[in-house]
């Protein structure tokens, strides 16, 4: 709120006549303070004071030291003094011409504390002419302080939780290969009993017998190596798939497993060929891999590779036999604990849960104390950054900023670059008025799920950089954005923002009342103040002291609300 209020001291007392030379020394006249009332900005209460020393009123040997004094709650904050001297004074200071008088100018700046909400700005004088000390009483020049920037609250920025990765159903893959001789689809007994096949058969039996497991699907794929004609290879791949599928179906029937078998074929396994080449120790494998990248046509590829006489013999012996195969793939669903089981274990023996189960358990209750206990256990047992971050959120929500900051610090020790944790740590620092640290954390929060720009807007508002705050908020509809618009005296925009807030609260109503006061709309003041104090009775005391409502202070309806 920027408005000039001239406080004319007029013909004030303490005009001193000097009998010996008939000269006078008078305080400055026509005092103006800007802003008036005083305003909180960037943690400071600043003012520019101007006035006039009248003609022939400042003794030539006079010395006048002026100190701004902000009086509040029985305390005083002193500004920097300025000394004015007459033309013949020996002391140092700004000279005032006796005949013409002169301009009085002074600035003051006070570090804000909340008690300054109810305060008054005075000028204090130390005066003398020659050796004679003159008593001049303090003079009030302004009221203060408009503290609306305080309403920009860090909690208006929603923090970001870090979710668990709990999956009730986890899929497990078991794979087996049956290899065939060249141009053959007959399963040899040695291949039917290889270790991978035995492991797959055991996994099928286990899935049938284990109540926590279910067979999701069974696949059998037939392959042919990429040598020979396409028609021959396609037929080979089909026959190999059928042979392996029939073999597997017999085993399923034996174990009374009623599952279908999905069929797939790959006539020329160039993908398998490339992987085998990449994993081989062949001397000229890079040459073969270049051929694969240069030619996409299968027949051209095969011809070019066969032309590499120096390596083709090794390929035929070491690479191609492994590609003449059928692959058996079992997908099993491992069924995790039920919600009831997880709840019970979390209460009685949480260390028996995995970290994901334990973090998930915290989402199964709305009891904040229970959530807190679960996250504390997850932090203790697993030292998981997500547990610390989510625990910090709970402390932040209940207003324990110190404990929230401690939890976020622990999370960042484990995961220093996580954008969500950095964002949360920044918001907590903001709530603690640790603005430099908040800015540091926000600098590492790019990519957070939360609204970083809105938080930066709050930071800039608190720092007093209103242009940057306005840019950061953009079209955000929050209480804090409305605070900034009020400070910018854009009351229409503030009213629109407050009307569009999705979850309005007591502060929303209070800000609407301030807009009403600034636009001289008494009905809006009364209606919204009633709504504000109905939601938060503590706002009664604030409203009673808030200079925003000074013009309504004696109004009966206003008094009825704040008493």
Protein backbone atom coordinates (compact mmCIF):
# COMPACT_ATOMS: atom_id res chain seq x y z
CA UNK A 1 0.00 0.00 0.00
CA UNK A 2 1.81 3.12 -1.19
CA UNK A 3 0.36 6.41 -0.10
CA UNK A 4 1.89 9.64 1.12
CA UNK A 5 0.53 11.23 4.23
CA UNK A 6 1.81 14.72 5.09
CA UNK A 7 2.02 15.15 8.80
CA UNK A 8 2.24 18.86 9.42
CA UNK A 9 3.77 19.72 12.71
CA UNK A 10 2.76 23.37 12.35
CA UNK A 11 3.81 25.72 15.06
CA UNK A 12 5.15 23.05 17.39
CA UNK A 13 6.56 23.72 20.79
CA UNK A 14 10.26 23.71 21.51
CA UNK A 15 11.12 26.81 19.50
CA UNK A 16 14.15 28.10 21.33
CA UNK A 17 14.99 31.79 21.40
CA UNK A 18 18.57 32.70 21.95
CA UNK A 19 18.56 35.83 24.10
CA UNK A 20 22.09 36.83 23.25
CA UNK A 21 21.66 36.83 19.49
CA UNK A 22 17.90 36.38 19.07
CA UNK A 23 18.33 33.25 16.95
CA UNK A 24 16.09 30.13 16.96
CA UNK A 25 16.41 26.40 16.43
CA UNK A 26 13.28 24.55 15.25
CA UNK A 27 12.50 21.00 14.21
CA UNK A 28 11.72 20.36 10.54
CA UNK A 29 8.19 21.23 9.44
CA UNK A 30 5.75 19.69 6.93
CA UNK A 31 6.96 16.12 7.52
CA UNK A 32 5.99 13.52 4.91
CA UNK A 33 6.60 9.77 5.21
CA UNK A 34 6.57 7.37 2.28
CA UNK A 35 5.01 4.85 2.56
CA UNK A 36 2.51 5.79 5.22
CA UNK A 37 1.44 3.64 6.93
CA UNK A 38 4.70 1.70 6.92
CA UNK A 39 4.90 -1.52 4.91
CA UNK A 40 6.72 -4.83 5.40
CA UNK A 41 8.79 -5.78 2.35
CA UNK A 42 11.52 -8.38 2.11
CA UNK A 43 11.77 -8.71 5.88
CA UNK A 44 12.36 -4.99 6.29
CA UNK A 45 10.29 -1.95 7.21
CA UNK A 46 11.70 0.97 5.21
CA UNK A 47 10.63 4.60 4.96
CA UNK A 48 11.72 7.80 3.29
CA UNK A 49 11.10 10.94 5.38
CA UNK A 50 11.13 14.49 4.04
CA UNK A 51 10.38 17.90 5.49
CA UNK A 52 11.39 21.55 5.54
CA UNK A 53 13.47 23.68 7.84
CA UNK A 54 11.67 27.07 7.85
CA UNK A 55 13.44 30.30 6.99
CA UNK A 56 15.28 32.02 9.87
CA UNK A 57 14.45 29.19 12.30
CA UNK A 58 17.72 27.22 12.39
CA UNK A 59 20.32 28.96 14.58
CA UNK A 60 23.70 29.46 12.98
CA UNK A 61 25.36 27.61 15.88
CA UNK A 62 22.56 25.07 16.17
CA UNK A 63 23.05 21.28 16.02
CA UNK A 64 20.06 18.95 15.51
CA UNK A 65 20.42 15.15 15.39
CA UNK A 66 17.30 13.32 14.17
CA UNK A 67 16.81 9.60 14.84
CA UNK A 68 13.82 7.60 13.49
CA UNK A 69 12.36 5.38 16.21
CA UNK A 70 9.86 2.59 15.60
CA UNK A 71 7.95 1.99 18.86
CA UNK A 72 6.14 -1.32 19.36
CA UNK A 73 5.04 -3.53 22.27
CA UNK A 74 6.96 -1.45 24.79
CA UNK A 75 10.13 -1.74 22.71
CA UNK A 76 12.02 0.50 20.33
CA UNK A 77 13.96 -0.02 17.11
CA UNK A 78 16.32 2.80 16.21
CA UNK A 79 17.12 3.95 12.70
CA UNK A 80 20.34 5.63 11.57
CA UNK A 81 20.58 9.21 12.93
CA UNK A 82 21.22 12.23 10.70
CA UNK A 83 22.74 15.44 12.01
CA UNK A 84 21.93 18.95 10.70
CA UNK A 85 24.04 21.94 11.69
CA UNK A 86 23.85 25.72 11.41
CA UNK A 87 26.25 27.73 9.30
CA UNK A 88 28.60 28.55 12.18
CA UNK A 89 28.44 25.29 14.09
CA UNK A 90 31.71 23.44 14.70
CA UNK A 91 30.18 19.99 14.53
CA UNK A 92 29.91 17.94 11.32
CA UNK A 93 26.58 17.49 9.62
CA UNK A 94 24.35 18.69 6.82
CA UNK A 95 24.34 22.46 6.81
CA UNK A 96 21.08 24.39 7.04
CA UNK A 97 21.13 28.00 5.82
CA UNK A 98 19.69 30.32 8.47
CA UNK A 99 18.14 32.84 6.08
CA UNK A 100 16.65 30.42 3.56
CA UNK A 101 16.10 27.32 5.68
CA UNK A 102 16.43 24.02 3.81
CA UNK A 103 15.21 20.55 2.99
CA UNK A 104 15.15 17.76 5.55
CA UNK A 105 15.54 14.22 4.15
CA UNK A 106 16.17 10.93 5.89
CA UNK A 107 15.65 7.23 5.28
CA UNK A 108 15.24 4.48 7.81
CA UNK A 109 15.17 0.69 7.73
CA UNK A 110 14.15 -1.72 10.47
CA UNK A 111 14.45 -5.51 10.63
CA UNK A 112 10.88 -6.71 10.96
CA UNK A 113 9.61 -8.75 13.90
CA UNK A 114 5.93 -9.80 14.20
CA UNK A 115 5.32 -7.50 17.19
CA UNK A 116 5.74 -4.55 14.80
CA UNK A 117 2.26 -5.20 13.39
CA UNK A 118 1.09 -2.62 15.91
CA UNK A 119 3.68 0.16 15.89
CA UNK A 120 4.29 3.87 15.37
CA UNK A 121 7.15 5.73 13.78
CA UNK A 122 8.57 8.68 15.68
CA UNK A 123 11.38 11.16 15.23
CA UNK A 124 13.66 11.66 18.21
CA UNK A 125 15.73 14.87 18.50
CA UNK A 126 18.97 15.81 20.19
CA UNK A 127 19.26 19.61 19.96
CA UNK A 128 21.62 22.27 21.15
CA UNK A 129 22.66 25.81 20.31
CA UNK A 130 26.21 26.41 21.26
CA UNK A 131 26.53 24.63 24.60
CA UNK A 132 22.88 24.87 25.53
CA UNK A 133 20.97 21.56 25.30
CA UNK A 134 17.37 21.84 24.25
CA UNK A 135 14.72 19.28 25.22
CA UNK A 136 12.45 18.34 22.32
CA UNK A 137 9.87 15.55 22.75
CA UNK A 138 9.56 12.64 20.28
CA UNK A 139 7.14 13.38 17.46
CA UNK A 140 4.96 10.70 15.84
CA UNK A 141 5.07 10.83 12.05
CA UNK A 142 3.51 7.52 10.82
CA UNK A 143 1.60 4.41 11.77
CA UNK A 144 2.70 0.92 10.89
CA UNK A 145 3.05 -1.78 9.73
CA UNK A 146 1.12 -3.26 6.77
CA UNK A 147 2.06 -6.93 7.16
CA UNK A 148 0.09 -8.51 4.33
CA UNK A 149 3.28 -10.07 2.85
CA UNK A 150 3.31 -12.33 5.95
CA UNK A 151 0.23 -14.04 4.54
CA UNK A 152 2.40 -15.54 1.78
CA UNK A 153 2.68 -18.91 3.52
CA UNK A 154 5.10 -21.70 2.61
CA UNK A 155 2.34 -24.20 3.40
CA UNK A 156 0.36 -22.84 0.46
CA UNK A 157 2.80 -24.89 -1.65
CA UNK A 158 1.94 -28.57 -1.65
CA UNK A 159 4.94 -30.79 -1.00
CA UNK A 160 5.73 -33.89 -3.04
CA UNK A 161 5.62 -37.42 -1.64
CA UNK A 162 7.87 -40.20 -2.93
CA UNK A 163 5.73 -43.28 -3.64
CA UNK A 164 6.49 -46.92 -2.94
CA UNK A 165 7.07 -49.41 -5.76
CA UNK A 166 4.96 -52.11 -4.18
CA UNK A 167 3.51 -54.66 -6.62
CA UNK A 168 1.12 -57.23 -5.29
CA UNK A 169 1.76 -59.39 -8.33
CA UNK A 170 5.38 -59.86 -9.42
CA UNK A 171 6.08 -61.76 -12.60
CA UNK A 172 8.91 -64.26 -12.78
CA UNK A 173 10.33 -65.69 -16.01
CA UNK A 174 11.83 -69.15 -16.36
CA UNK A 175 13.39 -69.99 -19.72
CA UNK A 176 14.77 -73.18 -21.25
CA UNK A 177 16.40 -74.00 -24.60
CA UNK A 178 16.18 -77.25 -26.55
CA UNK A 179 18.87 -77.40 -29.27
CA UNK A 180 18.54 -79.36 -32.51
CA UNK A 181 20.98 -80.77 -35.05
CA UNK A 182 21.26 -79.06 -38.42
CA UNK A 183 18.11 -79.44 -40.53
CA UNK A 184 16.50 -81.57 -37.79
CA UNK A 185 13.43 -81.13 -35.57
CA UNK A 186 13.95 -84.24 -33.47
CA UNK A 187 14.40 -83.73 -29.71
CA UNK A 188 17.41 -85.68 -28.48
CA UNK A 189 17.18 -87.29 -25.03
CA UNK A 190 20.16 -85.26 -23.83
CA UNK A 191 18.33 -82.04 -24.67
CA UNK A 192 15.08 -83.22 -23.08
CA UNK A 193 16.98 -83.61 -19.81
CA UNK A 194 19.24 -80.54 -19.88
CA UNK A 195 19.43 -78.39 -16.75
CA UNK A 196 17.37 -75.50 -18.14
CA UNK A 197 14.52 -77.85 -19.07
CA UNK A 198 14.60 -79.48 -15.63
CA UNK A 199 14.47 -76.06 -13.98
CA UNK A 200 11.47 -75.04 -16.08
CA UNK A 201 9.62 -78.26 -15.28
CA UNK A 202 10.28 -77.71 -11.57
CA UNK A 203 9.03 -74.12 -11.82
CA UNK A 204 5.78 -75.32 -13.43
CA UNK A 205 5.24 -77.83 -10.62
CA UNK A 206 6.02 -75.21 -7.98
CA UNK A 207 3.56 -72.74 -9.51
CA UNK A 208 0.87 -75.43 -9.40
CA UNK A 209 1.52 -76.39 -5.77
CA UNK A 210 2.25 -72.94 -4.28
CA UNK A 211 -0.90 -70.99 -3.32
CA UNK A 212 1.06 -67.73 -3.70
CA UNK A 213 1.89 -68.49 -7.35
CA UNK A 214 -0.09 -68.72 -10.57
CA UNK A 215 0.96 -69.61 -14.11
CA UNK A 216 0.36 -66.56 -16.27
CA UNK A 217 1.37 -68.03 -19.63
CA UNK A 218 3.56 -70.63 -21.31
CA UNK A 219 5.23 -69.95 -24.67
CA UNK A 220 7.17 -72.14 -27.05
CA UNK A 221 9.11 -70.54 -29.90
CA UNK A 222 10.81 -72.37 -32.76
CA UNK A 223 13.94 -70.99 -34.43
CA UNK A 224 16.15 -71.74 -37.41
CA UNK A 225 19.65 -70.43 -37.93
CA UNK A 226 19.99 -67.89 -40.76
CA UNK A 227 21.78 -70.23 -43.16
CA UNK A 228 19.95 -72.04 -45.91
CA UNK A 229 16.82 -71.01 -47.83
CA UNK A 230 13.88 -69.19 -46.28
CA UNK A 231 11.31 -71.90 -47.12
CA UNK A 232 13.47 -74.60 -45.54
CA UNK A 233 14.14 -72.51 -42.43
CA UNK A 234 10.50 -71.60 -41.96
CA UNK A 235 9.48 -75.26 -42.09
CA UNK A 236 12.29 -76.19 -39.70
CA UNK A 237 11.24 -73.49 -37.21
CA UNK A 238 7.62 -74.69 -37.32
CA UNK A 239 8.58 -78.31 -36.80
CA UNK A 240 10.93 -77.46 -33.93
CA UNK A 241 8.20 -75.41 -32.26
CA UNK A 242 5.69 -78.25 -32.59
CA UNK A 243 8.14 -80.83 -31.27
CA UNK A 244 8.98 -78.72 -28.21
CA UNK A 245 5.31 -77.86 -27.61
CA UNK A 246 4.27 -81.54 -27.72
CA UNK A 247 7.12 -82.40 -25.34
CA UNK A 248 6.00 -79.68 -22.91
CA UNK A 249 2.30 -80.58 -23.16
CA UNK A 250 3.10 -84.14 -22.07
CA UNK A 251 4.83 -82.75 -18.99
CA UNK A 252 1.89 -80.42 -18.24
CA UNK A 253 -0.56 -83.32 -18.54
CA UNK A 254 1.57 -85.46 -16.28
CA UNK A 255 1.49 -82.74 -13.58
CA UNK A 256 -2.20 -82.00 -14.19
CA UNK A 257 -1.53 -78.41 -15.26
CA UNK A 258 -4.31 -77.13 -17.52
CA UNK A 259 -2.64 -74.28 -19.39
CA UNK A 260 -2.53 -73.45 -23.06
CA UNK A 261 0.79 -73.20 -24.86
CA UNK A 262 1.35 -70.17 -27.08
CA UNK A 263 3.24 -70.80 -30.32
CA UNK A 264 5.76 -68.54 -32.09
CA UNK A 265 8.36 -69.08 -34.80
CA UNK A 266 11.40 -67.21 -36.09
CA UNK A 267 12.40 -68.60 -39.47
CA UNK A 268 15.84 -66.94 -39.60
CA UNK A 269 17.17 -65.83 -36.26
CA UNK A 270 19.25 -62.84 -37.29
CA UNK A 271 18.65 -61.14 -33.93
CA UNK A 272 20.02 -64.17 -32.10
CA UNK A 273 22.90 -64.32 -34.57
CA UNK A 274 23.85 -60.70 -33.88
CA UNK A 275 23.74 -61.16 -30.09
CA UNK A 276 25.83 -64.32 -30.33
CA UNK A 277 28.40 -62.50 -32.47
CA UNK A 278 28.54 -59.56 -30.05
CA UNK A 279 29.15 -61.93 -27.12
CA UNK A 280 31.73 -64.04 -28.94
CA UNK A 281 35.51 -63.79 -28.85
CA UNK A 282 35.90 -64.23 -32.62
CA UNK A 283 38.80 -62.27 -34.04
CA UNK A 284 36.88 -60.76 -36.96
CA UNK A 285 33.48 -60.32 -35.31
CA UNK A 286 33.42 -56.58 -35.99
CA UNK A 287 33.66 -57.33 -39.72
CA UNK A 288 30.63 -59.62 -39.49
CA UNK A 289 28.67 -57.07 -37.46
CA UNK A 290 29.38 -54.42 -40.11
CA UNK A 291 27.91 -56.70 -42.75
CA UNK A 292 24.77 -57.09 -40.61
CA UNK A 293 24.42 -53.33 -40.33
CA UNK A 294 25.04 -52.73 -44.06
CA UNK A 295 22.56 -55.25 -45.46
CA UNK A 296 18.95 -55.74 -44.39
CA UNK A 297 17.93 -58.33 -47.00
CA UNK A 298 18.32 -61.82 -45.44
CA UNK A 299 19.65 -63.50 -48.59
CA UNK A 300 22.16 -60.72 -49.24
CA UNK A 301 23.31 -60.89 -45.62
CA UNK A 302 23.83 -64.64 -45.83
CA UNK A 303 25.75 -64.37 -49.11
CA UNK A 304 28.04 -61.62 -47.82
CA UNK A 305 28.82 -63.51 -44.61
CA UNK A 306 29.58 -66.73 -46.52
CA UNK A 307 31.99 -64.68 -48.64
CA UNK A 308 34.01 -64.02 -45.48
CA UNK A 309 35.85 -67.31 -45.90
CA UNK A 310 38.30 -66.51 -43.11
CA UNK A 311 35.57 -66.48 -40.45
CA UNK A 312 32.66 -68.42 -41.86
CA UNK A 313 34.05 -71.78 -40.76
CA UNK A 314 34.21 -70.53 -37.17
CA UNK A 315 30.66 -69.14 -37.46
CA UNK A 316 29.38 -72.50 -38.68
CA UNK A 317 31.03 -74.30 -35.76
CA UNK A 318 30.51 -71.85 -32.87
CA UNK A 319 27.55 -69.58 -33.66
CA UNK A 320 24.98 -71.31 -35.85
CA UNK A 321 24.44 -74.54 -33.80
CA UNK A 322 23.16 -72.54 -30.79
CA UNK A 323 20.53 -70.85 -32.99
CA UNK A 324 18.94 -74.17 -34.06
CA UNK A 325 16.59 -74.35 -31.11
CA UNK A 326 13.23 -74.07 -29.46
CA UNK A 327 12.79 -71.75 -26.48
CA UNK A 328 10.36 -72.58 -23.68
CA UNK A 329 9.23 -69.58 -21.59
CA UNK A 330 7.19 -69.82 -18.38
CA UNK A 331 5.70 -66.61 -16.94
CA UNK A 332 4.65 -67.03 -13.30
CA UNK A 333 2.71 -64.53 -11.17
CA UNK A 334 3.98 -64.34 -7.60
CA UNK A 335 1.03 -63.17 -5.50
CA UNK A 336 2.10 -60.87 -2.65
CA UNK A 337 0.59 -60.32 0.77
CA UNK A 338 -2.96 -59.00 1.03
CA UNK A 339 -3.64 -55.53 2.46
CA UNK A 340 -4.91 -57.10 5.68
CA UNK A 341 -1.75 -59.18 6.03
CA UNK A 342 0.44 -56.13 5.42
CA UNK A 343 -1.51 -54.07 7.98
CA UNK A 344 -1.17 -56.78 10.60
CA UNK A 345 2.56 -57.31 10.09
CA UNK A 346 3.19 -53.56 9.99
CA UNK A 347 1.61 -53.23 13.44
CA UNK A 348 3.23 -56.27 15.08
CA UNK A 349 6.53 -56.98 13.32
CA UNK A 350 7.24 -54.37 10.59
CA UNK A 351 10.81 -55.56 10.08
CA UNK A 352 9.35 -58.69 8.45
CA UNK A 353 8.06 -56.60 5.54
CA UNK A 354 10.17 -55.59 2.57
CA UNK A 355 10.86 -51.88 2.20
CA UNK A 356 8.25 -51.62 -0.56
CA UNK A 357 5.66 -53.46 1.53
CA UNK A 358 6.42 -51.25 4.52
CA UNK A 359 6.14 -48.02 2.53
CA UNK A 360 2.92 -49.34 1.01
CA UNK A 361 1.59 -50.12 4.50
CA UNK A 362 1.72 -46.40 5.32
CA UNK A 363 -0.75 -45.73 2.50
CA UNK A 364 -3.28 -48.14 4.01
CA UNK A 365 -4.10 -45.91 6.98
CA UNK A 366 -5.37 -42.36 7.42
CA UNK A 367 -4.11 -42.22 11.01
CA UNK A 368 -1.15 -39.80 10.89
CA UNK A 369 0.43 -41.21 14.05
CA UNK A 370 0.29 -44.69 12.53
CA UNK A 371 1.74 -43.42 9.24
CA UNK A 372 4.54 -41.71 11.13
CA UNK A 373 5.39 -44.88 13.05
CA UNK A 374 5.55 -46.89 9.83
CA UNK A 375 7.82 -44.41 8.06
CA UNK A 376 10.04 -44.19 11.14
CA UNK A 377 10.41 -47.98 11.08
CA UNK A 378 11.14 -47.98 7.34
CA UNK A 379 13.81 -45.32 7.90
CA UNK A 380 15.30 -47.27 10.81
CA UNK A 381 15.34 -50.69 9.13
CA UNK A 382 16.08 -49.78 5.52
CA UNK A 383 17.55 -46.24 5.69
CA UNK A 384 15.36 -45.46 2.67
CA UNK A 385 15.24 -41.84 1.48
CA UNK A 386 11.54 -42.14 0.64
CA UNK A 387 10.72 -42.98 4.26
CA UNK A 388 12.56 -39.88 5.45
CA UNK A 389 10.92 -37.68 2.81
CA UNK A 390 7.39 -38.86 3.57
CA UNK A 391 8.05 -38.60 7.31
CA UNK A 392 9.21 -35.03 6.72
CA UNK A 393 5.93 -34.32 4.96
CA UNK A 394 3.97 -35.43 8.02
CA UNK A 395 6.04 -33.26 10.35
CA UNK A 396 5.68 -30.31 7.97
CA UNK A 397 1.91 -30.68 7.85
CA UNK A 398 1.67 -30.61 11.65
CA UNK A 399 3.87 -27.51 11.82
CA UNK A 400 7.03 -29.14 13.20
CA UNK A 401 9.33 -27.41 10.74
CA UNK A 402 12.57 -28.25 12.58
CA UNK A 403 11.83 -31.99 12.50
CA UNK A 404 10.68 -31.79 8.87
CA UNK A 405 13.97 -30.15 7.89
CA UNK A 406 15.91 -32.84 9.77
CA UNK A 407 14.07 -35.59 7.86
CA UNK A 408 14.62 -33.91 4.51
CA UNK A 409 18.31 -33.50 5.31
CA UNK A 410 18.55 -37.25 6.01
CA UNK A 411 16.76 -38.04 2.74
CA UNK A 412 19.19 -35.81 0.84
CA UNK A 413 22.18 -37.52 2.44
CA UNK A 414 20.95 -40.71 0.75
CA UNK A 415 19.56 -39.23 -2.48
CA UNK A 416 21.06 -35.73 -2.86
CA UNK A 417 19.72 -35.04 -6.35
CA UNK A 418 16.12 -36.14 -5.94
CA UNK A 419 14.04 -33.18 -7.22
CA UNK A 420 11.02 -33.85 -4.98
CA UNK A 421 13.06 -34.01 -1.79
CA UNK A 422 14.96 -30.86 -2.75
CA UNK A 423 11.64 -29.13 -3.39
CA UNK A 424 10.27 -30.19 -0.01
CA UNK A 425 13.47 -29.12 1.74
CA UNK A 426 13.13 -25.75 0.00
CA UNK A 427 9.54 -25.30 1.17
CA UNK A 428 10.51 -26.20 4.74
CA UNK A 429 13.39 -23.70 4.63
CA UNK A 430 10.94 -21.13 3.30
CA UNK A 431 8.63 -21.80 6.25
CA UNK A 432 11.65 -21.27 8.52
CA UNK A 433 12.36 -17.96 6.74
CA UNK A 434 15.73 -19.37 5.66
CA UNK A 435 15.40 -17.78 2.23
CA UNK A 436 18.94 -18.35 0.96
CA UNK A 437 18.76 -22.06 1.74
CA UNK A 438 15.30 -22.29 0.19
CA UNK A 439 16.64 -20.79 -3.03
CA UNK A 440 19.53 -23.27 -2.99
CA UNK A 441 17.18 -26.25 -2.66
CA UNK A 442 14.81 -24.96 -5.34
CA UNK A 443 17.79 -24.71 -7.67
CA UNK A 444 18.09 -28.51 -7.46
CA UNK A 445 14.37 -29.23 -7.76
CA UNK A 446 13.92 -29.08 -11.53
CA UNK A 447 11.68 -31.97 -12.56
CA UNK A 448 9.74 -32.16 -9.31
CA UNK A 449 6.12 -33.29 -9.40
CA UNK A 450 5.23 -30.21 -7.33
CA UNK A 451 4.64 -26.67 -8.62
CA UNK A 452 8.15 -25.24 -8.47
CA UNK A 453 7.18 -21.90 -10.04
CA UNK A 454 4.56 -21.25 -7.38
CA UNK A 455 7.10 -21.96 -4.63
CA UNK A 456 9.58 -19.62 -6.29
CA UNK A 457 6.82 -17.00 -6.35
CA UNK A 458 6.47 -17.37 -2.57
CA UNK A 459 10.23 -17.07 -2.16
CA UNK A 460 10.39 -13.89 -4.24
CA UNK A 461 7.43 -12.38 -2.37
CA UNK A 462 9.22 -12.98 0.93
CA UNK A 463 12.42 -11.50 -0.50
CA UNK A 464 10.52 -8.42 -1.68
CA UNK A 465 11.23 -9.02 -5.38
CA UNK A 466 7.67 -8.50 -6.53
CA UNK A 467 8.40 -8.39 -10.26
CA UNK A 468 10.07 -11.82 -10.12
CA UNK A 469 7.24 -13.14 -7.93
CA UNK A 470 4.58 -12.03 -10.39
CA UNK A 471 6.42 -13.73 -13.26
CA UNK A 472 6.89 -16.95 -11.29
CA UNK A 473 3.24 -17.23 -10.22
CA UNK A 474 1.91 -16.77 -13.75
CA UNK A 475 -1.73 -17.88 -13.79
CA UNK A 476 -1.45 -19.93 -10.59
CA UNK A 477 -4.62 -19.62 -8.50
CA UNK A 478 -3.37 -19.78 -4.91
CA UNK A 479 -3.54 -17.65 -1.80
CA UNK A 480 0.10 -16.71 -2.24
CA UNK A 481 -0.45 -15.55 -5.81
CA UNK A 482 -3.33 -13.38 -4.56
CA UNK A 483 -1.07 -11.89 -1.85
CA UNK A 484 1.33 -10.81 -4.57
CA UNK A 485 -1.46 -9.25 -6.61
CA UNK A 486 -2.66 -7.32 -3.56
CA UNK A 487 0.88 -6.05 -2.96
CA UNK A 488 0.97 -5.01 -6.62
CA UNK A 489 -2.36 -3.20 -6.02
CA UNK A 490 -3.99 -5.27 -8.78
CA UNK A 491 -7.17 -5.88 -6.83
CA UNK A 492 -9.26 -7.12 -9.76
CA UNK A 493 -6.68 -9.83 -10.49
CA UNK A 494 -6.50 -10.73 -6.78
CA UNK A 495 -10.28 -11.08 -6.57
CA UNK A 496 -10.28 -13.32 -9.65
CA UNK A 497 -7.47 -15.48 -8.27
CA UNK A 498 -9.19 -15.91 -4.90
CA UNK A 499 -12.45 -16.85 -6.62
CA UNK A 500 -10.65 -19.60 -8.61
CA UNK A 501 -8.88 -21.31 -5.71
CA UNK A 502 -9.98 -24.96 -5.73
CA UNK A 503 -9.68 -25.54 -1.99
CA UNK A 504 -10.34 -22.16 -0.32
CA UNK A 505 -9.51 -21.85 3.37
CA UNK A 506 -9.51 -19.24 6.15
CA UNK A 507 -6.63 -17.35 4.55
CA UNK A 508 -8.56 -17.19 1.27
CA UNK A 509 -11.46 -15.48 3.03
CA UNK A 510 -9.11 -13.16 4.95
CA UNK A 511 -7.44 -12.05 1.71
CA UNK A 512 -10.87 -11.40 0.19
CA UNK A 513 -11.57 -9.14 3.20
CA UNK A 514 -8.31 -7.25 2.56
CA UNK A 515 -9.30 -6.72 -1.08
CA UNK A 516 -12.64 -5.42 0.20
CA UNK A 517 -10.88 -3.02 2.58
CA UNK A 518 -8.55 -1.71 -0.09
CA UNK A 519 -11.45 -1.12 -2.47
CA UNK A 520 -13.61 0.41 0.30
CA UNK A 521 -16.19 -2.38 0.09
CA UNK A 522 -17.43 -2.73 3.66
CA UNK A 523 -19.85 -5.55 2.82
CA UNK A 524 -16.97 -7.65 1.41
CA UNK A 525 -14.88 -6.91 4.50
CA UNK A 526 -17.60 -8.01 6.93
CA UNK A 527 -18.76 -11.06 4.97
CA UNK A 528 -15.27 -12.45 4.38
CA UNK A 529 -13.91 -11.69 7.84
CA UNK A 530 -16.84 -13.61 9.31
CA UNK A 531 -15.99 -16.56 7.07
CA UNK A 532 -12.28 -16.33 7.92
CA UNK A 533 -12.66 -16.32 11.71
CA UNK A 534 -15.29 -19.07 11.51
CA UNK A 535 -12.60 -21.31 9.99
CA UNK A 536 -9.70 -20.03 12.09
CA UNK A 537 -10.49 -18.18 15.31
CA UNK A 538 -6.87 -17.01 15.60
CA UNK A 539 -7.54 -14.58 12.76
CA UNK A 540 -9.69 -12.48 15.12
CA UNK A 541 -6.59 -11.16 16.89
CA UNK A 542 -4.79 -10.53 13.63
CA UNK A 543 -7.72 -8.66 12.11
CA UNK A 544 -8.09 -6.51 15.25
CA UNK A 545 -4.47 -5.39 14.87
CA UNK A 546 -4.24 -5.38 11.08
CA UNK A 547 -3.78 -1.86 9.75
CA UNK A 548 -5.42 -3.05 6.52
CA UNK A 549 -8.72 -2.66 8.39
CA UNK A 550 -7.87 0.64 10.14
CA UNK A 551 -10.74 2.54 8.52
CA UNK A 552 -13.21 -0.06 9.85
CA UNK A 553 -11.71 -0.33 13.34
CA UNK A 554 -14.55 1.59 15.02
CA UNK A 555 -17.32 -0.02 12.99
CA UNK A 556 -19.75 -1.96 15.18
CA UNK A 557 -20.01 -4.91 12.80
CA UNK A 558 -16.24 -5.14 12.53
CA UNK A 559 -15.88 -4.97 16.30
CA UNK A 560 -18.43 -7.73 16.72
CA UNK A 561 -16.30 -10.03 14.54
CA UNK A 562 -12.89 -9.41 16.12
CA UNK A 563 -13.93 -9.41 19.80
